[in-house]
Amino acid sequence: MAETTTTTSTSGRAGARQTRRQNAEKGFIASKTLLDNMQKVLVDLLELQMQGKQAHWNVVGKNFRDTHRVLDEIIEDARTFSDTIAERMRALHGVPDGRSDTVADTTSLPEYPNGEVDTAATVDLITERLEATIETCRDVHDEVDDEDPTSADLLHAIIERLEQFAWMVSAENRTPAKAK
């Protein structure tokens, strides 16, 4: 059985890569493309978790308590999903890269503002970040599904939950549509 290795660039920058198969492990081995796609999802989930915490600590204003609580739910789910994606990558003989510099350099999420943020602004900022993470999942979905439907199933669960959060959180700042 041949060993599969993908090296990082000479600058030492990382990202997802394949492990060396040193043991008697058998089974499906992800391509670099699959691992790179899963890595994109991983870094956005890790960044969503961190930005959610930043928002959680610094949100102020009307509906503080409800906003504070929903942020905790988003943070917990993002943490769980990131762990699931990273462990899936390991099961496929990949090496996930969740280091802070990698996350900061590769996330698709915009930077979160520093300092206190009003609840209404927090709702909009978090909705934007949820939607960016969803977009990443949707962008990589078809390529992931072509190679590994099991990993695509994980993306389905993530998309479903984050879309639910985006709808629920954004509703805080919406007004009812007028009936025609």
N, C-alpha and C. Protein backbone atom coordinates (compact mmCIF):
# COMPACT_ATOMS: atom_id res chain seq x y z
N MET A 1 0.85 -1.16 0.00
CA MET A 1 0.00 0.00 0.00
C MET A 1 0.90 1.23 0.00
N ALA A 2 0.63 2.16 -0.89
CA ALA A 2 1.46 3.37 -1.00
C ALA A 2 1.08 4.36 0.08
N GLU A 3 2.06 5.09 0.56
CA GLU A 3 1.79 6.15 1.52
C GLU A 3 1.35 7.38 0.74
N THR A 4 0.39 8.10 1.30
CA THR A 4 -0.10 9.31 0.67
C THR A 4 0.26 10.49 1.54
N THR A 5 0.96 11.44 0.96
CA THR A 5 1.37 12.61 1.71
C THR A 5 1.21 13.83 0.84
N THR A 6 0.65 14.87 1.40
CA THR A 6 0.61 16.16 0.74
C THR A 6 1.35 17.11 1.65
N THR A 7 2.33 17.79 1.13
CA THR A 7 3.13 18.65 1.98
C THR A 7 2.60 20.07 1.96
N THR A 8 2.99 20.82 2.97
CA THR A 8 2.63 22.23 3.00
C THR A 8 3.62 23.00 2.16
N SER A 9 3.32 24.26 1.90
CA SER A 9 4.22 25.06 1.08
C SER A 9 5.52 25.32 1.83
N THR A 10 6.51 25.81 1.11
CA THR A 10 7.81 26.06 1.73
C THR A 10 7.74 27.16 2.77
N SER A 11 6.70 28.00 2.73
CA SER A 11 6.57 29.05 3.74
C SER A 11 6.09 28.50 5.07
N GLY A 12 5.73 27.23 5.11
CA GLY A 12 5.25 26.64 6.34
C GLY A 12 3.76 26.87 6.55
N ARG A 13 3.13 27.58 5.65
CA ARG A 13 1.69 27.81 5.75
C ARG A 13 1.01 26.47 5.61
N ALA A 14 -0.03 26.33 6.32
CA ALA A 14 -0.65 25.03 6.34
C ALA A 14 -2.00 25.05 5.69
N GLY A 15 -2.84 24.28 6.19
CA GLY A 15 -4.15 24.01 5.65
C GLY A 15 -4.33 22.52 5.78
N ALA A 16 -5.41 22.03 5.25
CA ALA A 16 -5.65 20.60 5.32
C ALA A 16 -4.61 19.86 4.50
N ARG A 17 -4.25 18.71 4.98
CA ARG A 17 -3.34 17.87 4.22
C ARG A 17 -3.65 16.43 4.57
N GLN A 18 -3.06 15.52 3.84
CA GLN A 18 -3.27 14.11 4.08
C GLN A 18 -2.21 13.58 5.04
N THR A 19 -2.60 12.57 5.81
CA THR A 19 -1.67 11.93 6.74
C THR A 19 -0.85 10.88 6.01
N ARG A 20 0.24 10.51 6.62
CA ARG A 20 0.98 9.34 6.14
C ARG A 20 0.28 8.13 6.72
N ARG A 21 0.05 7.15 5.90
CA ARG A 21 -0.63 5.94 6.37
C ARG A 21 0.41 5.00 6.94
N GLN A 22 0.59 5.08 8.25
CA GLN A 22 1.62 4.30 8.91
C GLN A 22 1.07 3.03 9.53
N ASN A 23 -0.21 3.00 9.76
CA ASN A 23 -0.80 1.86 10.44
C ASN A 23 -1.59 1.01 9.45
N ALA A 24 -2.33 0.11 9.97
CA ALA A 24 -3.08 -0.82 9.12
C ALA A 24 -4.46 -0.26 8.76
N GLU A 25 -4.62 1.06 8.81
CA GLU A 25 -5.91 1.66 8.51
C GLU A 25 -6.28 1.38 7.06
N LYS A 26 -7.52 1.11 6.86
CA LYS A 26 -8.04 0.82 5.54
C LYS A 26 -9.16 1.82 5.27
N GLY A 27 -9.70 1.75 4.08
CA GLY A 27 -10.88 2.53 3.78
C GLY A 27 -10.60 3.71 2.88
N PHE A 28 -11.61 4.52 2.76
CA PHE A 28 -11.62 5.68 1.87
C PHE A 28 -10.56 6.70 2.28
N ILE A 29 -9.84 7.21 1.30
CA ILE A 29 -8.86 8.26 1.54
C ILE A 29 -9.28 9.47 0.74
N ALA A 30 -9.50 10.57 1.42
CA ALA A 30 -9.96 11.79 0.77
C ALA A 30 -8.89 12.37 -0.15
N SER A 31 -9.36 12.96 -1.23
CA SER A 31 -8.45 13.69 -2.12
C SER A 31 -8.08 15.03 -1.48
N LYS A 32 -7.07 15.67 -2.02
CA LYS A 32 -6.69 17.00 -1.54
C LYS A 32 -7.85 17.97 -1.72
N THR A 33 -8.59 17.86 -2.81
CA THR A 33 -9.73 18.75 -3.05
C THR A 33 -10.78 18.59 -1.97
N LEU A 34 -11.11 17.35 -1.62
CA LEU A 34 -12.09 17.11 -0.57
C LEU A 34 -11.60 17.69 0.75
N LEU A 35 -10.35 17.44 1.09
CA LEU A 35 -9.81 17.96 2.35
C LEU A 35 -9.77 19.48 2.35
N ASP A 36 -9.41 20.08 1.23
CA ASP A 36 -9.39 21.55 1.14
C ASP A 36 -10.79 22.12 1.33
N ASN A 37 -11.79 21.47 0.75
CA ASN A 37 -13.17 21.93 0.92
C ASN A 37 -13.64 21.80 2.36
N MET A 38 -13.30 20.70 2.99
CA MET A 38 -13.67 20.52 4.40
C MET A 38 -12.93 21.52 5.28
N GLN A 39 -11.69 21.84 4.92
CA GLN A 39 -10.90 22.83 5.66
C GLN A 39 -11.57 24.21 5.59
N LYS A 40 -12.12 24.57 4.44
CA LYS A 40 -12.83 25.86 4.30
C LYS A 40 -14.00 25.93 5.26
N VAL A 41 -14.74 24.85 5.36
CA VAL A 41 -15.87 24.81 6.29
C VAL A 41 -15.37 24.88 7.72
N LEU A 42 -14.32 24.13 8.02
CA LEU A 42 -13.77 24.12 9.37
C LEU A 42 -13.36 25.52 9.83
N VAL A 43 -12.60 26.24 9.02
CA VAL A 43 -12.13 27.56 9.47
C VAL A 43 -13.28 28.53 9.64
N ASP A 44 -14.30 28.45 8.79
CA ASP A 44 -15.43 29.36 8.97
C ASP A 44 -16.22 29.02 10.23
N LEU A 45 -16.36 27.74 10.55
CA LEU A 45 -17.04 27.36 11.79
C LEU A 45 -16.24 27.81 13.01
N LEU A 46 -14.93 27.65 12.97
CA LEU A 46 -14.09 28.10 14.09
C LEU A 46 -14.18 29.62 14.25
N GLU A 47 -14.15 30.33 13.14
CA GLU A 47 -14.26 31.79 13.19
C GLU A 47 -15.64 32.22 13.67
N LEU A 48 -16.69 31.54 13.23
CA LEU A 48 -18.04 31.84 13.71
C LEU A 48 -18.12 31.67 15.21
N GLN A 49 -17.51 30.62 15.71
CA GLN A 49 -17.49 30.37 17.15
C GLN A 49 -16.79 31.52 17.88
N MET A 50 -15.63 31.92 17.39
CA MET A 50 -14.88 33.00 18.06
C MET A 50 -15.59 34.35 17.95
N GLN A 51 -16.12 34.65 16.79
CA GLN A 51 -16.84 35.92 16.64
C GLN A 51 -18.13 35.91 17.45
N GLY A 52 -18.76 34.75 17.55
CA GLY A 52 -19.95 34.64 18.39
C GLY A 52 -19.61 34.95 19.84
N LYS A 53 -18.47 34.47 20.30
CA LYS A 53 -18.03 34.75 21.67
C LYS A 53 -17.75 36.24 21.85
N GLN A 54 -17.08 36.84 20.87
CA GLN A 54 -16.81 38.28 20.94
C GLN A 54 -18.13 39.05 21.05
N ALA A 55 -19.10 38.67 20.23
CA ALA A 55 -20.42 39.32 20.28
C ALA A 55 -21.09 39.07 21.63
N HIS A 56 -21.03 37.85 22.10
CA HIS A 56 -21.65 37.45 23.37
C HIS A 56 -21.13 38.29 24.54
N TRP A 57 -19.83 38.53 24.57
CA TRP A 57 -19.24 39.28 25.67
C TRP A 57 -19.54 40.77 25.60
N ASN A 58 -19.80 41.28 24.40
CA ASN A 58 -19.86 42.73 24.22
C ASN A 58 -21.18 43.27 23.72
N VAL A 59 -22.21 42.46 23.66
CA VAL A 59 -23.52 42.94 23.24
C VAL A 59 -24.17 43.73 24.38
N VAL A 60 -24.80 44.84 24.04
CA VAL A 60 -25.52 45.68 25.01
C VAL A 60 -26.79 46.21 24.37
N GLY A 61 -27.78 46.53 25.21
CA GLY A 61 -28.99 47.18 24.70
C GLY A 61 -30.24 46.36 24.93
N LYS A 62 -31.30 46.80 24.24
CA LYS A 62 -32.61 46.15 24.36
C LYS A 62 -32.49 44.70 23.91
N ASN A 63 -33.24 43.85 24.56
CA ASN A 63 -33.24 42.41 24.29
C ASN A 63 -31.87 41.77 24.50
N PHE A 64 -31.10 42.37 25.41
CA PHE A 64 -29.76 41.85 25.72
C PHE A 64 -29.81 40.36 26.07
N ARG A 65 -30.67 40.02 27.01
CA ARG A 65 -30.68 38.65 27.53
C ARG A 65 -30.96 37.62 26.42
N ASP A 66 -31.98 37.88 25.60
CA ASP A 66 -32.31 36.95 24.52
C ASP A 66 -31.16 36.85 23.51
N THR A 67 -30.57 38.00 23.17
CA THR A 67 -29.46 38.00 22.22
C THR A 67 -28.27 37.25 22.80
N HIS A 68 -27.98 37.52 24.07
CA HIS A 68 -26.88 36.86 24.76
C HIS A 68 -27.07 35.33 24.73
N ARG A 69 -28.29 34.90 24.98
CA ARG A 69 -28.58 33.46 25.03
C ARG A 69 -28.50 32.79 23.66
N VAL A 70 -29.05 33.44 22.62
CA VAL A 70 -28.99 32.83 21.30
C VAL A 70 -27.54 32.76 20.81
N LEU A 71 -26.74 33.73 21.20
CA LEU A 71 -25.32 33.68 20.83
C LEU A 71 -24.66 32.45 21.45
N ASP A 72 -25.02 32.12 22.68
CA ASP A 72 -24.49 30.91 23.31
C ASP A 72 -24.86 29.66 22.51
N GLU A 73 -26.09 29.61 21.99
CA GLU A 73 -26.52 28.46 21.20
C GLU A 73 -25.72 28.37 19.90
N ILE A 74 -25.52 29.50 19.24
CA ILE A 74 -24.75 29.52 17.99
C ILE A 74 -23.32 29.07 18.25
N ILE A 75 -22.72 29.60 19.31
CA ILE A 75 -21.35 29.25 19.67
C ILE A 75 -21.22 27.76 19.93
N GLU A 76 -22.13 27.20 20.68
CA GLU A 76 -22.07 25.77 21.01
C GLU A 76 -22.23 24.91 19.76
N ASP A 77 -23.16 25.27 18.89
CA ASP A 77 -23.34 24.49 17.67
C ASP A 77 -22.14 24.63 16.74
N ALA A 78 -21.60 25.83 16.62
CA ALA A 78 -20.41 26.03 15.78
C ALA A 78 -19.24 25.20 16.32
N ARG A 79 -19.09 25.15 17.64
CA ARG A 79 -18.03 24.36 18.25
C ARG A 79 -18.24 22.87 17.95
N THR A 80 -19.45 22.40 18.12
CA THR A 80 -19.75 20.99 17.86
C THR A 80 -19.54 20.66 16.39
N PHE A 81 -20.04 21.52 15.50
CA PHE A 81 -19.88 21.27 14.06
C PHE A 81 -18.41 21.30 13.65
N SER A 82 -17.63 22.22 14.19
CA SER A 82 -16.21 22.27 13.82
C SER A 82 -15.50 21.00 14.27
N ASP A 83 -15.85 20.49 15.43
CA ASP A 83 -15.26 19.25 15.92
C ASP A 83 -15.66 18.08 15.02
N THR A 84 -16.91 18.05 14.61
CA THR A 84 -17.39 16.99 13.73
C THR A 84 -16.65 17.01 12.40
N ILE A 85 -16.48 18.20 11.82
CA ILE A 85 -15.78 18.33 10.54
C ILE A 85 -14.32 17.92 10.69
N ALA A 86 -13.66 18.39 11.74
CA ALA A 86 -12.25 18.04 11.96
C ALA A 86 -12.08 16.53 12.16
N GLU A 87 -12.97 15.92 12.92
CA GLU A 87 -12.87 14.48 13.14
C GLU A 87 -13.19 13.70 11.87
N ARG A 88 -14.08 14.23 11.04
CA ARG A 88 -14.35 13.58 9.75
C ARG A 88 -13.10 13.63 8.87
N MET A 89 -12.43 14.78 8.88
CA MET A 89 -11.19 14.92 8.11
C MET A 89 -10.16 13.89 8.58
N ARG A 90 -10.05 13.71 9.88
CA ARG A 90 -9.10 12.72 10.42
C ARG A 90 -9.50 11.31 9.98
N ALA A 91 -10.80 11.02 10.00
CA ALA A 91 -11.27 9.69 9.58
C ALA A 91 -10.94 9.42 8.12
N LEU A 92 -10.82 10.49 7.34
CA LEU A 92 -10.50 10.37 5.91
C LEU A 92 -9.01 10.54 5.65
N HIS A 93 -8.21 10.41 6.71
CA HIS A 93 -6.75 10.48 6.62
C HIS A 93 -6.27 11.89 6.30
N GLY A 94 -7.01 12.88 6.76
CA GLY A 94 -6.61 14.27 6.60
C GLY A 94 -6.14 14.85 7.91
N VAL A 95 -5.48 15.99 7.82
CA VAL A 95 -5.00 16.69 9.00
C VAL A 95 -5.63 18.08 9.00
N PRO A 96 -6.66 18.29 9.82
CA PRO A 96 -7.29 19.60 9.88
C PRO A 96 -6.35 20.63 10.49
N ASP A 97 -6.51 21.87 10.08
CA ASP A 97 -5.66 22.94 10.60
C ASP A 97 -6.55 24.02 11.21
N GLY A 98 -6.62 24.01 12.54
CA GLY A 98 -7.44 24.97 13.26
C GLY A 98 -6.63 26.00 14.01
N ARG A 99 -5.36 26.16 13.63
CA ARG A 99 -4.53 27.16 14.31
C ARG A 99 -5.07 28.56 14.05
N SER A 100 -4.92 29.43 15.02
CA SER A 100 -5.49 30.78 14.93
C SER A 100 -5.00 31.55 13.72
N ASP A 101 -3.72 31.43 13.37
CA ASP A 101 -3.23 32.16 12.20
C ASP A 101 -3.82 31.61 10.91
N THR A 102 -4.03 30.31 10.84
CA THR A 102 -4.65 29.71 9.66
C THR A 102 -6.10 30.17 9.53
N VAL A 103 -6.81 30.15 10.65
CA VAL A 103 -8.21 30.58 10.64
C VAL A 103 -8.30 32.04 10.21
N ALA A 104 -7.48 32.90 10.81
CA ALA A 104 -7.52 34.33 10.48
C ALA A 104 -7.17 34.59 9.02
N ASP A 105 -6.22 33.83 8.49
CA ASP A 105 -5.77 34.03 7.11
C ASP A 105 -6.72 33.48 6.06
N THR A 106 -7.56 32.50 6.43
CA THR A 106 -8.33 31.80 5.40
C THR A 106 -9.84 31.88 5.55
N THR A 107 -10.36 32.42 6.63
CA THR A 107 -11.81 32.48 6.80
C THR A 107 -12.45 33.42 5.78
N SER A 108 -13.68 33.12 5.43
CA SER A 108 -14.44 34.01 4.55
C SER A 108 -15.25 35.04 5.35
N LEU A 109 -15.28 34.90 6.66
CA LEU A 109 -16.05 35.82 7.48
C LEU A 109 -15.33 37.15 7.64
N PRO A 110 -16.08 38.26 7.56
CA PRO A 110 -15.44 39.56 7.81
C PRO A 110 -15.07 39.70 9.28
N GLU A 111 -14.14 40.59 9.55
CA GLU A 111 -13.70 40.83 10.93
C GLU A 111 -14.84 41.39 11.75
N TYR A 112 -14.91 40.98 13.01
CA TYR A 112 -15.95 41.48 13.92
C TYR A 112 -15.43 42.72 14.62
N PRO A 113 -16.31 43.72 14.82
CA PRO A 113 -15.84 44.95 15.47
C PRO A 113 -15.46 44.73 16.93
N ASN A 114 -14.54 45.54 17.40
CA ASN A 114 -14.11 45.51 18.79
C ASN A 114 -15.02 46.41 19.62
N GLY A 115 -15.14 46.12 20.89
CA GLY A 115 -15.90 46.96 21.81
C GLY A 115 -17.36 46.57 21.91
N GLU A 116 -18.11 47.36 22.67
CA GLU A 116 -19.53 47.10 22.85
C GLU A 116 -20.27 47.33 21.54
N VAL A 117 -21.25 46.47 21.30
CA VAL A 117 -22.07 46.57 20.09
C VAL A 117 -23.53 46.46 20.51
N ASP A 118 -24.34 47.37 20.03
CA ASP A 118 -25.78 47.39 20.30
C ASP A 118 -26.42 46.08 19.82
N THR A 119 -27.48 45.66 20.48
CA THR A 119 -28.13 44.40 20.13
C THR A 119 -28.61 44.38 18.67
N ALA A 120 -29.19 45.47 18.20
CA ALA A 120 -29.68 45.49 16.81
C ALA A 120 -28.53 45.30 15.83
N ALA A 121 -27.42 45.98 16.07
CA ALA A 121 -26.24 45.82 15.21
C ALA A 121 -25.67 44.41 15.35
N THR A 122 -25.68 43.88 16.56
CA THR A 122 -25.19 42.51 16.78
C THR A 122 -26.01 41.52 15.98
N VAL A 123 -27.31 41.69 15.97
CA VAL A 123 -28.19 40.80 15.19
C VAL A 123 -27.78 40.83 13.72
N ASP A 124 -27.58 42.01 13.17
CA ASP A 124 -27.19 42.11 11.76
C ASP A 124 -25.81 41.52 11.51
N LEU A 125 -24.85 41.80 12.40
CA LEU A 125 -23.49 41.29 12.24
C LEU A 125 -23.44 39.76 12.32
N ILE A 126 -24.16 39.20 13.27
CA ILE A 126 -24.16 37.74 13.43
C ILE A 126 -24.90 37.08 12.28
N THR A 127 -25.99 37.68 11.83
CA THR A 127 -26.70 37.13 10.67
C THR A 127 -25.79 37.10 9.46
N GLU A 128 -25.03 38.16 9.24
CA GLU A 128 -24.08 38.22 8.12
C GLU A 128 -23.05 37.10 8.22
N ARG A 129 -22.57 36.81 9.42
CA ARG A 129 -21.56 35.78 9.60
C ARG A 129 -22.15 34.38 9.47
N LEU A 130 -23.38 34.21 9.94
CA LEU A 130 -24.06 32.93 9.73
C LEU A 130 -24.23 32.69 8.22
N GLU A 131 -24.67 33.71 7.51
CA GLU A 131 -24.88 33.56 6.07
C GLU A 131 -23.58 33.31 5.32
N ALA A 132 -22.48 33.91 5.76
CA ALA A 132 -21.18 33.65 5.12
C ALA A 132 -20.75 32.20 5.34
N THR A 133 -20.98 31.68 6.52
CA THR A 133 -20.63 30.29 6.81
C THR A 133 -21.51 29.34 6.00
N ILE A 134 -22.79 29.66 5.90
CA ILE A 134 -23.71 28.87 5.08
C ILE A 134 -23.24 28.88 3.63
N GLU A 135 -22.87 30.05 3.14
CA GLU A 135 -22.41 30.16 1.75
C GLU A 135 -21.19 29.27 1.50
N THR A 136 -20.27 29.25 2.44
CA THR A 136 -19.09 28.37 2.29
C THR A 136 -19.53 26.92 2.19
N CYS A 137 -20.43 26.50 3.07
CA CYS A 137 -20.92 25.12 3.04
C CYS A 137 -21.59 24.80 1.71
N ARG A 138 -22.40 25.72 1.22
CA ARG A 138 -23.09 25.50 -0.05
C ARG A 138 -22.11 25.53 -1.23
N ASP A 139 -21.11 26.42 -1.16
CA ASP A 139 -20.13 26.52 -2.25
C ASP A 139 -19.34 25.23 -2.44
N VAL A 140 -19.01 24.55 -1.36
CA VAL A 140 -18.20 23.33 -1.47
C VAL A 140 -19.04 22.07 -1.55
N HIS A 141 -20.33 22.18 -1.29
CA HIS A 141 -21.19 21.01 -1.16
C HIS A 141 -21.11 20.05 -2.34
N ASP A 142 -21.29 20.55 -3.55
CA ASP A 142 -21.39 19.64 -4.70
C ASP A 142 -20.09 18.86 -4.93
N GLU A 143 -18.95 19.54 -4.79
CA GLU A 143 -17.68 18.82 -4.94
C GLU A 143 -17.50 17.79 -3.84
N VAL A 144 -17.90 18.15 -2.60
CA VAL A 144 -17.81 17.20 -1.49
C VAL A 144 -18.72 16.01 -1.77
N ASP A 145 -19.94 16.28 -2.20
CA ASP A 145 -20.92 15.22 -2.44
C ASP A 145 -20.47 14.28 -3.56
N ASP A 146 -19.83 14.83 -4.58
CA ASP A 146 -19.34 14.00 -5.69
C ASP A 146 -18.33 12.96 -5.21
N GLU A 147 -17.51 13.33 -4.25
CA GLU A 147 -16.47 12.41 -3.78
C GLU A 147 -16.88 11.62 -2.55
N ASP A 148 -17.66 12.26 -1.66
CA ASP A 148 -17.96 11.62 -0.38
C ASP A 148 -19.33 12.04 0.15
N PRO A 149 -20.37 11.32 -0.23
CA PRO A 149 -21.72 11.67 0.24
C PRO A 149 -21.85 11.70 1.77
N THR A 150 -21.06 10.93 2.46
CA THR A 150 -21.13 10.94 3.92
C THR A 150 -20.71 12.30 4.47
N SER A 151 -19.64 12.88 3.94
CA SER A 151 -19.23 14.22 4.37
C SER A 151 -20.26 15.25 3.95
N ALA A 152 -20.88 15.06 2.79
CA ALA A 152 -21.93 15.97 2.34
C ALA A 152 -23.12 15.95 3.30
N ASP A 153 -23.40 14.77 3.86
CA ASP A 153 -24.48 14.68 4.85
C ASP A 153 -24.19 15.56 6.07
N LEU A 154 -22.93 15.62 6.47
CA LEU A 154 -22.57 16.52 7.58
C LEU A 154 -22.85 17.96 7.21
N LEU A 155 -22.51 18.32 5.97
CA LEU A 155 -22.78 19.70 5.51
C LEU A 155 -24.28 19.99 5.52
N HIS A 156 -25.11 19.01 5.17
CA HIS A 156 -26.56 19.21 5.19
C HIS A 156 -27.03 19.61 6.59
N ALA A 157 -26.55 18.90 7.59
CA ALA A 157 -26.95 19.19 8.97
C ALA A 157 -26.48 20.58 9.40
N ILE A 158 -25.28 20.95 9.00
CA ILE A 158 -24.74 22.27 9.35
C ILE A 158 -25.55 23.36 8.67
N ILE A 159 -25.80 23.19 7.38
CA ILE A 159 -26.57 24.19 6.64
C ILE A 159 -27.96 24.35 7.25
N GLU A 160 -28.62 23.24 7.53
CA GLU A 160 -29.97 23.30 8.09
C GLU A 160 -30.00 24.09 9.39
N ARG A 161 -29.07 23.80 10.28
CA ARG A 161 -29.07 24.47 11.59
C ARG A 161 -28.67 25.94 11.48
N LEU A 162 -27.65 26.24 10.68
CA LEU A 162 -27.22 27.63 10.56
C LEU A 162 -28.25 28.47 9.84
N GLU A 163 -28.96 27.90 8.86
CA GLU A 163 -30.04 28.64 8.20
C GLU A 163 -31.17 28.93 9.18
N GLN A 164 -31.45 27.98 10.06
CA GLN A 164 -32.46 28.21 11.08
C GLN A 164 -32.03 29.35 12.01
N PHE A 165 -30.78 29.34 12.44
CA PHE A 165 -30.28 30.44 13.26
C PHE A 165 -30.36 31.78 12.52
N ALA A 166 -29.96 31.81 11.25
CA ALA A 166 -29.98 33.06 10.49
C ALA A 166 -31.40 33.61 10.42
N TRP A 167 -32.37 32.75 10.18
CA TRP A 167 -33.76 33.17 10.13
C TRP A 167 -34.22 33.70 11.50
N MET A 168 -33.94 32.94 12.55
CA MET A 168 -34.40 33.32 13.89
C MET A 168 -33.72 34.61 14.38
N VAL A 169 -32.42 34.72 14.17
CA VAL A 169 -31.69 35.90 14.63
C VAL A 169 -32.12 37.13 13.84
N SER A 170 -32.18 37.00 12.52
CA SER A 170 -32.53 38.16 11.69
C SER A 170 -33.95 38.64 11.94
N ALA A 171 -34.83 37.76 12.38
CA ALA A 171 -36.22 38.15 12.66
C ALA A 171 -36.31 39.21 13.75
N GLU A 172 -35.31 39.28 14.59
CA GLU A 172 -35.28 40.27 15.68
C GLU A 172 -35.34 41.70 15.12
N ASN A 173 -34.76 41.93 13.97
CA ASN A 173 -34.71 43.29 13.39
C ASN A 173 -35.71 43.50 12.26
N ARG A 174 -36.51 42.51 11.96
CA ARG A 174 -37.48 42.63 10.86
C ARG A 174 -38.78 43.21 11.31
N THR A 175 -39.50 43.77 10.37
CA THR A 175 -40.88 44.18 10.60
C THR A 175 -41.77 43.31 9.71
N PRO A 176 -42.99 43.09 10.12
CA PRO A 176 -43.85 42.21 9.31
C PRO A 176 -44.07 42.77 7.91
N ALA A 177 -44.11 41.84 6.96
CA ALA A 177 -44.42 42.24 5.58
C ALA A 177 -45.90 42.59 5.51
N LYS A 178 -46.21 43.58 4.72
CA LYS A 178 -47.61 43.98 4.58
C LYS A 178 -48.34 43.00 3.67
N ALA A 179 -49.55 42.66 4.07
CA ALA A 179 -50.39 41.76 3.26
C ALA A 179 -50.83 42.49 2.02
N LYS A 180 -50.94 41.77 0.93
CA LYS A 180 -51.38 42.38 -0.34
C LYS A 180 -52.85 42.28 -0.52
